[in-house]
Structure formats: C-alpha cells, structure tokens
C-alpha atoms as a PDB file:
ATOM      1  CA  MET A   1      -0.011   0.067   0.147  1.00  0.00           C
ATOM      2  CA  SER A   2       2.958   2.273   0.778  1.00  0.00           C
ATOM      3  CA  THR A   3       4.117   2.400  -2.817  1.00  0.00           C
ATOM      4  CA  LEU A   4       0.780   3.372  -4.457  1.00  0.00           C
ATOM      5  CA  PRO A   5       1.615   6.700  -4.366  1.00  0.00           C
ATOM      6  CA  ALA A   6       4.779   6.439  -6.158  1.00  0.00           C
ATOM      7  CA  THR A   7       3.363   3.895  -8.759  1.00  0.00           C
ATOM      8  CA  LEU A   8       0.822   6.223  -9.871  1.00  0.00           C
ATOM      9  CA  LEU A   9       3.256   9.237  -9.996  1.00  0.00           C
ATOM     10  CA  LYS A  10       5.309   7.216 -12.307  1.00  0.00           C
ATOM     11  CA  LEU A  11       1.591   6.288 -14.337  1.00  0.00           C
ATOM     12  CA  LEU A  12       1.050   9.837 -14.591  1.00  0.00           C
ATOM     13  CA  ILE A  13       4.492  10.905 -15.796  1.00  0.00           C
ATOM     14  CA  ALA A  14       4.147   8.281 -18.326  1.00  0.00           C
ATOM     15  CA  LEU A  15       0.643   9.352 -19.190  1.00  0.00           C
ATOM     16  CA  LEU A  16       2.203  12.828 -19.943  1.00  0.00           C
ATOM     17  CA  LYS A  17       5.239  11.825 -21.840  1.00  0.00           C
ATOM     18  CA  HIS A  18       2.758  10.068 -24.049  1.00  0.00           C
ATOM     19  CA  GLN A  19       0.297  13.200 -24.504  1.00  0.00           C
ATOM     20  CA  ALA A  20       3.393  15.706 -24.930  1.00  0.00           C
ATOM     21  CA  LYS A  21       4.868  13.344 -27.533  1.00  0.00           C
ATOM     22  CA  THR A  22       1.516  12.894 -29.608  1.00  0.00           C
ATOM     23  CA  TRP A  23       1.016  16.648 -29.294  1.00  0.00           C
ATOM     24  CA  LEU A  24       4.434  17.990 -29.746  1.00  0.00           C
ATOM     25  CA  GLY A  25       6.516  15.357 -31.672  1.00  0.00           C
ATOM     26  CA  SER A  26       9.235  13.095 -30.383  1.00  0.00           C
ATOM     27  CA  GLU A  27      12.045  15.867 -31.207  1.00  0.00           C
ATOM     28  CA  ALA A  28      10.314  18.649 -29.239  1.00  0.00           C
ATOM     29  CA  LEU A  29       9.855  16.353 -26.269  1.00  0.00           C
ATOM     30  CA  ASP A  30      13.670  15.356 -26.741  1.00  0.00           C
ATOM     31  CA  VAL A  31      15.023  18.958 -26.640  1.00  0.00           C
ATOM     32  CA  ALA A  32      12.501  19.833 -23.553  1.00  0.00           C
ATOM     33  CA  ALA A  33      14.094  16.988 -21.614  1.00  0.00           C
ATOM     34  CA  GLN A  34      17.741  17.795 -22.816  1.00  0.00           C
ATOM     35  CA  THR A  35      17.101  21.090 -21.578  1.00  0.00           C
ATOM     36  CA  LEU A  36      15.648  19.998 -18.060  1.00  0.00           C
ATOM     37  CA  ILE A  37      18.710  17.800 -17.766  1.00  0.00           C
ATOM     38  CA  ASP A  38      21.069  20.646 -18.684  1.00  0.00           C
ATOM     39  CA  GLU A  39      19.622  22.808 -15.981  1.00  0.00           C
ATOM     40  CA  GLU A  40      19.525  20.184 -13.437  1.00  0.00           C
ATOM     41  CA  LEU A  41      22.961  19.441 -14.321  1.00  0.00           C
ATOM     42  CA  GLN A  42      24.190  22.806 -13.838  1.00  0.00           C
ATOM     43  CA  ARG A  43      22.419  23.458 -10.737  1.00  0.00           C
ATOM     44  CA  ARG A  44      24.006  20.350  -9.156  1.00  0.00           C
ATOM     45  CA  LEU A  45      27.491  21.122 -10.350  1.00  0.00           C
ATOM     46  CA  GLN A  46      27.243  24.744  -8.949  1.00  0.00           C
ATOM     47  CA  GLY A  47      26.046  23.057  -5.984  1.00  0.00           C
ATOM     48  CA  TRP A  48      29.026  20.943  -5.657  1.00  0.00           C
ATOM     49  CA  LEU A  49      31.798  23.707  -6.610  1.00  0.00           C
ATOM     50  CA  THR A  50      30.298  25.917  -3.911  1.00  0.00           C
ATOM     51  CA  ALA A  51      30.273  23.499  -1.059  1.00  0.00           C
ATOM     52  CA  ASP A  52      33.317  23.946   1.448  1.00  0.00           C
ATOM     53  CA  GLN A  53      33.978  20.350   1.381  1.00  0.00           C
ATOM     54  CA  THR A  54      34.875  20.574  -2.335  1.00  0.00           C
ATOM     55  CA  ARG A  55      36.506  23.776  -1.968  1.00  0.00           C
ATOM     56  CA  ARG A  56      39.230  22.398   0.699  1.00  0.00           C
ATOM     57  CA  ALA A  57      39.672  19.180  -1.069  1.00  0.00           C
ATOM     58  CA  LEU A  58      40.651  21.412  -4.327  1.00  0.00           C
ATOM     59  CA  LEU A  59      43.151  23.625  -1.770  1.00  0.00           C
ATOM     60  CA  ARG A  60      44.647  20.383  -0.433  1.00  0.00           C
ATOM     61  CA  ALA A  61      45.267  18.770  -3.997  1.00  0.00           C
ATOM     62  CA  GLY A  62      46.634  22.148  -5.649  1.00  0.00           C
ATOM     63  CA  PRO A  63      50.284  21.826  -4.299  1.00  0.00           C
ATOM     64  CA  ALA A  64      50.373  18.187  -5.536  1.00  0.00           C
ATOM     65  CA  LEU A  65      49.257  19.503  -9.121  1.00  0.00           C
ATOM     66  CA  ARG A  66      52.148  21.715  -9.391  1.00  0.00           C
ATOM     67  CA  PRO A  67      55.220  20.422 -11.299  1.00  0.00           C
ATOM     68  CA  GLU A  68      58.664  20.025  -9.753  1.00  0.00           C
ATOM     69  CA  PRO A  69      61.230  22.491 -11.373  1.00  0.00           C
ATOM     70  CA  ALA A  70      63.502  19.699 -12.406  1.00  0.00           C
ATOM     71  CA  SER A  71      60.511  17.822 -14.762  1.00  0.00           C
ATOM     72  CA  LEU A  72      59.758  21.455 -16.484  1.00  0.00           C
ATOM     73  CA  PRO A  73      61.217  21.763 -20.057  1.00  0.00           C
ATOM     74  CA  ARG A  74      64.233  24.020 -20.217  1.00  0.00           C
ATOM     75  CA  PRO A  75      63.725  26.738 -22.482  1.00  0.00           C
ATOM     76  CA  ARG A  76      65.643  27.097 -25.581  1.00  0.00           C
ATOM     77  CA  ALA A  77      68.033  29.158 -26.456  1.00  0.00           C
ATOM     78  CA  ALA A  78      66.626  31.857 -28.905  1.00  0.00           C
ATOM     79  CA  PRO A  79      68.244  31.579 -32.644  1.00  0.00           C
ATOM     80  CA  PRO A  80      71.113  33.751 -33.525  1.00  0.00           C
ATOM     81  CA  VAL A  81      70.181  37.266 -35.073  1.00  0.00           C
ATOM     82  CA  PRO A  82      71.802  37.090 -38.935  1.00  0.00           C
END
C-alpha cells in the first residue's frame, strides 16, 4: 500500500510523456528533456563547486598538481640574429 503513491506518480508521468509526444512530436520532447537535464546538471554542479568540502579538497590537491622544477622543460636558446 505504501508504494501506491510512487506507482501512481510513475503512471501519471508516463501519461504526460505520451501526451507531450503526441501533441508536440518526438523531437520537441527530446529538446525539452535535454534542457531540463542541462539545467539540473548545472544546478548540481554549482552546488558541488560552492560546497565547503569541495573547496577544501581542491585546495589540498593544488600543491600536488604543481610540477617539480626539475621536470619542467628547459627553455630553448633564441636563434642567432643574422
């Protein structure tokens, strides 16, 4: 009995998707879905990037990403001027 609301919600969503596909066409439905996915992804990514835990992890990882001076390529000498 407790799964009835979730099952009913899934049924209603399927019905809405079917009606949108019928009225708007498959391509319009795909564009709308992609837009919603992009907005959701942007919101989640923004939340992750602004989280204190993420900021601390990135600050800790920063020094490990700096190359050692010995591993950097040596600059080339400038060619002689004729």
